[in-house]
Amino acid sequence: MHNLLGFFIQQQPSQLLQILPMVLIMVVFYFLLFLPMQRQKKQQKAMVDSLKSGDVVVTSGGIVGTVYRINKEDDTLVLQVKPDNIKLQISRASVTATTVTGPAATGSTGEKKS
């Protein structure tokens, strides 16, 4: 009995095997959480950098408006909001999406039906 107990006490797993599950969890978290967040940040930055006057955008507060002017100096833009054409100055970082405008959005071809 004493020999059997001594055998189990001497058979401790190596430190590498103890650390391996934590390392695997970190790798999985990186690929499932951090990598997609970095991609989304890059796409958001590219979208904000490509804004121009006349684009219809949606802000993080849910305001839908047309870009009236872009101020590069202070990183803001002026939105023209319907129905009264009110102009609002907002931060460029608060733009969350652009919407498709023109014939593609309405589905019309510009032809009159008789």
C-alpha atoms as a PDB file:
ATOM      1  CA  MET A   1       0.000   0.000   0.000  1.00  0.00           C
ATOM      2  CA  HIS A   2       2.802   2.391   0.849  1.00  0.00           C
ATOM      3  CA  ASN A   3       4.471   1.774  -2.502  1.00  0.00           C
ATOM      4  CA  LEU A   4       1.232   2.470  -4.364  1.00  0.00           C
ATOM      5  CA  LEU A   5       0.752   5.795  -2.556  1.00  0.00           C
ATOM      6  CA  GLY A   6       4.330   6.805  -3.287  1.00  0.00           C
ATOM      7  CA  PHE A   7       3.798   6.049  -6.970  1.00  0.00           C
ATOM      8  CA  PHE A   8       0.831   8.443  -7.226  1.00  0.00           C
ATOM      9  CA  ILE A   9       2.612  11.194  -5.307  1.00  0.00           C
ATOM     10  CA  GLN A  10       5.630  11.058  -7.633  1.00  0.00           C
ATOM     11  CA  GLN A  11       3.499  11.157 -10.819  1.00  0.00           C
ATOM     12  CA  GLN A  12       2.701  14.895 -10.988  1.00  0.00           C
ATOM     13  CA  PRO A  13       1.867  16.346 -14.402  1.00  0.00           C
ATOM     14  CA  SER A  14       4.495  18.561 -15.934  1.00  0.00           C
ATOM     15  CA  GLN A  15       4.076  22.335 -15.718  1.00  0.00           C
ATOM     16  CA  LEU A  16       3.624  22.572 -19.472  1.00  0.00           C
ATOM     17  CA  LEU A  17       0.549  20.342 -19.311  1.00  0.00           C
ATOM     18  CA  GLN A  18      -0.882  22.510 -16.532  1.00  0.00           C
ATOM     19  CA  ILE A  19      -0.444  25.734 -18.540  1.00  0.00           C
ATOM     20  CA  LEU A  20      -1.557  24.310 -21.899  1.00  0.00           C
ATOM     21  CA  PRO A  21      -5.358  24.594 -21.297  1.00  0.00           C
ATOM     22  CA  MET A  22      -5.038  28.288 -20.375  1.00  0.00           C
ATOM     23  CA  VAL A  23      -2.953  28.966 -23.474  1.00  0.00           C
ATOM     24  CA  LEU A  24      -5.529  27.203 -25.658  1.00  0.00           C
ATOM     25  CA  ILE A  25      -8.353  29.239 -24.098  1.00  0.00           C
ATOM     26  CA  MET A  26      -6.462  32.471 -24.821  1.00  0.00           C
ATOM     27  CA  VAL A  27      -5.901  31.463 -28.455  1.00  0.00           C
ATOM     28  CA  VAL A  28      -9.589  30.628 -28.887  1.00  0.00           C
ATOM     29  CA  PHE A  29     -10.597  33.976 -27.347  1.00  0.00           C
ATOM     30  CA  TYR A  30      -8.253  35.790 -29.704  1.00  0.00           C
ATOM     31  CA  PHE A  31      -9.739  34.185 -32.806  1.00  0.00           C
ATOM     32  CA  LEU A  32     -13.363  34.377 -31.665  1.00  0.00           C
ATOM     33  CA  LEU A  33     -13.419  37.811 -30.018  1.00  0.00           C
ATOM     34  CA  PHE A  34     -10.456  40.064 -30.650  1.00  0.00           C
ATOM     35  CA  LEU A  35      -9.758  39.354 -34.325  1.00  0.00           C
ATOM     36  CA  PRO A  36     -13.356  40.055 -35.475  1.00  0.00           C
ATOM     37  CA  MET A  37     -13.422  43.251 -33.390  1.00  0.00           C
ATOM     38  CA  GLN A  38     -10.235  44.464 -35.084  1.00  0.00           C
ATOM     39  CA  ARG A  39     -11.705  43.723 -38.517  1.00  0.00           C
ATOM     40  CA  GLN A  40     -14.891  45.593 -37.626  1.00  0.00           C
ATOM     41  CA  LYS A  41     -12.867  48.605 -36.434  1.00  0.00           C
ATOM     42  CA  LYS A  42     -10.949  48.676 -39.733  1.00  0.00           C
ATOM     43  CA  GLN A  43     -14.179  48.501 -41.740  1.00  0.00           C
ATOM     44  CA  GLN A  44     -15.737  51.288 -39.641  1.00  0.00           C
ATOM     45  CA  LYS A  45     -12.674  53.507 -40.107  1.00  0.00           C
ATOM     46  CA  ALA A  46     -12.651  52.879 -43.865  1.00  0.00           C
ATOM     47  CA  MET A  47     -16.365  53.718 -44.071  1.00  0.00           C
ATOM     48  CA  VAL A  48     -15.938  56.953 -42.091  1.00  0.00           C
ATOM     49  CA  ASP A  49     -12.892  57.957 -44.139  1.00  0.00           C
ATOM     50  CA  SER A  50     -14.792  57.449 -47.388  1.00  0.00           C
ATOM     51  CA  LEU A  51     -17.714  59.724 -46.439  1.00  0.00           C
ATOM     52  CA  LYS A  52     -18.476  62.574 -48.833  1.00  0.00           C
ATOM     53  CA  SER A  53     -21.121  65.252 -49.168  1.00  0.00           C
ATOM     54  CA  GLY A  54     -24.468  63.839 -50.225  1.00  0.00           C
ATOM     55  CA  ASP A  55     -24.072  60.451 -48.493  1.00  0.00           C
ATOM     56  CA  VAL A  56     -27.012  59.382 -46.335  1.00  0.00           C
ATOM     57  CA  VAL A  57     -25.771  58.147 -42.955  1.00  0.00           C
ATOM     58  CA  VAL A  58     -27.121  56.760 -39.690  1.00  0.00           C
ATOM     59  CA  THR A  59     -25.563  57.908 -36.407  1.00  0.00           C
ATOM     60  CA  SER A  60     -25.131  55.904 -33.228  1.00  0.00           C
ATOM     61  CA  GLY A  61     -28.084  57.850 -31.786  1.00  0.00           C
ATOM     62  CA  GLY A  62     -30.336  56.741 -34.638  1.00  0.00           C
ATOM     63  CA  ILE A  63     -30.396  60.041 -36.517  1.00  0.00           C
ATOM     64  CA  VAL A  64     -30.638  59.623 -40.285  1.00  0.00           C
ATOM     65  CA  GLY A  65     -29.349  62.501 -42.361  1.00  0.00           C
ATOM     66  CA  THR A  66     -27.475  63.598 -45.436  1.00  0.00           C
ATOM     67  CA  VAL A  67     -23.853  64.690 -45.123  1.00  0.00           C
ATOM     68  CA  TYR A  68     -23.849  68.413 -45.868  1.00  0.00           C
ATOM     69  CA  ARG A  69     -20.230  69.312 -45.095  1.00  0.00           C
ATOM     70  CA  ILE A  70     -17.157  67.543 -43.690  1.00  0.00           C
ATOM     71  CA  ASN A  71     -14.790  69.429 -41.371  1.00  0.00           C
ATOM     72  CA  LYS A  72     -11.374  67.754 -41.549  1.00  0.00           C
ATOM     73  CA  GLU A  73      -9.829  70.127 -38.972  1.00  0.00           C
ATOM     74  CA  ASP A  74     -11.971  69.096 -36.001  1.00  0.00           C
ATOM     75  CA  ASP A  75     -13.070  65.659 -37.297  1.00  0.00           C
ATOM     76  CA  THR A  76     -16.757  66.514 -37.452  1.00  0.00           C
ATOM     77  CA  LEU A  77     -19.405  66.664 -40.127  1.00  0.00           C
ATOM     78  CA  VAL A  78     -22.625  68.568 -40.638  1.00  0.00           C
ATOM     79  CA  LEU A  79     -25.760  66.528 -41.286  1.00  0.00           C
ATOM     80  CA  GLN A  80     -28.863  67.850 -42.972  1.00  0.00           C
ATOM     81  CA  VAL A  81     -31.873  66.189 -41.355  1.00  0.00           C
ATOM     82  CA  LYS A  82     -35.346  66.066 -42.886  1.00  0.00           C
ATOM     83  CA  PRO A  83     -38.194  67.239 -42.840  1.00  0.00           C
ATOM     84  CA  ASP A  84     -37.120  70.815 -42.041  1.00  0.00           C
ATOM     85  CA  ASN A  85     -33.561  70.483 -43.362  1.00  0.00           C
ATOM     86  CA  ILE A  86     -32.092  71.110 -39.928  1.00  0.00           C
ATOM     87  CA  LYS A  87     -28.287  71.054 -39.866  1.00  0.00           C
ATOM     88  CA  LEU A  88     -26.569  69.199 -37.025  1.00  0.00           C
ATOM     89  CA  GLN A  89     -22.844  69.078 -36.325  1.00  0.00           C
ATOM     90  CA  ILE A  90     -21.741  65.631 -35.150  1.00  0.00           C
ATOM     91  CA  SER A  91     -18.523  63.730 -34.631  1.00  0.00           C
ATOM     92  CA  ARG A  92     -17.435  61.539 -37.536  1.00  0.00           C
ATOM     93  CA  ALA A  93     -16.927  58.671 -35.100  1.00  0.00           C
ATOM     94  CA  SER A  94     -20.662  58.635 -34.297  1.00  0.00           C
ATOM     95  CA  VAL A  95     -21.545  57.558 -37.849  1.00  0.00           C
ATOM     96  CA  THR A  96     -22.403  53.867 -37.710  1.00  0.00           C
ATOM     97  CA  ALA A  97     -23.657  53.137 -41.231  1.00  0.00           C
ATOM     98  CA  THR A  98     -24.268  54.555 -44.651  1.00  0.00           C
ATOM     99  CA  THR A  99     -27.465  53.816 -46.518  1.00  0.00           C
ATOM    100  CA  VAL A 100     -27.871  53.174 -50.208  1.00  0.00           C
ATOM    101  CA  THR A 101     -29.502  56.075 -52.027  1.00  0.00           C
ATOM    102  CA  GLY A 102     -30.616  56.709 -55.549  1.00  0.00           C
ATOM    103  CA  PRO A 103     -32.207  54.290 -58.032  1.00  0.00           C
ATOM    104  CA  ALA A 104     -30.747  51.201 -56.330  1.00  0.00           C
ATOM    105  CA  ALA A 105     -32.537  51.975 -53.053  1.00  0.00           C
ATOM    106  CA  THR A 106     -35.946  52.815 -54.515  1.00  0.00           C
ATOM    107  CA  GLY A 107     -35.898  50.115 -57.140  1.00  0.00           C
ATOM    108  CA  SER A 108     -36.903  52.588 -59.836  1.00  0.00           C
ATOM    109  CA  THR A 109     -35.155  52.856 -63.143  1.00  0.00           C
ATOM    110  CA  GLY A 110     -36.015  56.492 -63.703  1.00  0.00           C
ATOM    111  CA  GLU A 111     -38.426  55.675 -66.532  1.00  0.00           C
ATOM    112  CA  LYS A 112     -41.945  57.066 -66.560  1.00  0.00           C
ATOM    113  CA  LYS A 113     -44.818  54.687 -66.928  1.00  0.00           C
ATOM    114  CA  SER A 114     -47.545  55.691 -69.335  1.00  0.00           C
END
